[in-house]
């Protein structure tokens, strides 16, 4: 009986995956129920039975992520608005999924380009900070999430080149990719990443290997309140105009030994907090 149930569960998962893959390839927007199915498949992709610690915390995180039960089995489905870390529009069970916060959940698997996570095109907030994705690269398919306002992948074991596709997330107001083994080593990599993100209020690329200059056009990003570029191998002269931005409250460019520049005089009312050295 148990073998039959396991086989049925596998077939059900394969059917869901095929259905969602077909929708994603066609460019269709998912319904609420389909988004819940996509989340469920994303959860399944994070099962890590070989690691006892990850398996235990995985179970605790996702114990609420299960199909709802009804008296009529044909009506059974998903009610993901009540799941841990999931936020739906207007908290309505039929609203689109707009937020996913799985920070500090000890997630321990790769996130691949075919992940159903990237089918949640109505997401506005995605927080996967403080996990261990085992040196996964950030898939370029993240560009599908064009409504993202906040993206936090800090302290999560990502590695490799930051995909240029992040620059297509033009609604971003907060971007945090800090404390990973990430890099932007082409001379124009930093410029290409942020040039379209003109609504940014918070930018944290600390410990990202940037190895280039800070682009002068950042001074035109009038909404920026916080810039953290700690230990990024920044080079050349830091644009003085950035220090004079009216809304800037935090600037941390410490531990960039090849960065040069001077500090202008500040008005006594300035709220800017500077991090220039260790």
Foldseek 3Di string as FASTA:
>chain_A
DVVVVVVVVVVVLVVLLVVLVVCVVVVHADWLQNLLNLVLNLLVQQQDVVDPVLNVLSCVQFVVSDWDDDPDNVPIGGQCLPHPQWHFVVSDSRGQTATGACAPSQREAADDQSRSVLSSQNHAYYHHHHYEHPQHADHLSVLSNLNHQEDAHYNHAHAEENDLSLLSNQNYQYDAHDDYRYEQPDQCSQVSNCVSNLNHQYDAHAPYQYLYADDLCVLVSQNHAEDHHDQRLHAEEHHQSNLVRPRHQEDAHEPNVRYDYDHDDDDPPHNHDYHHYD
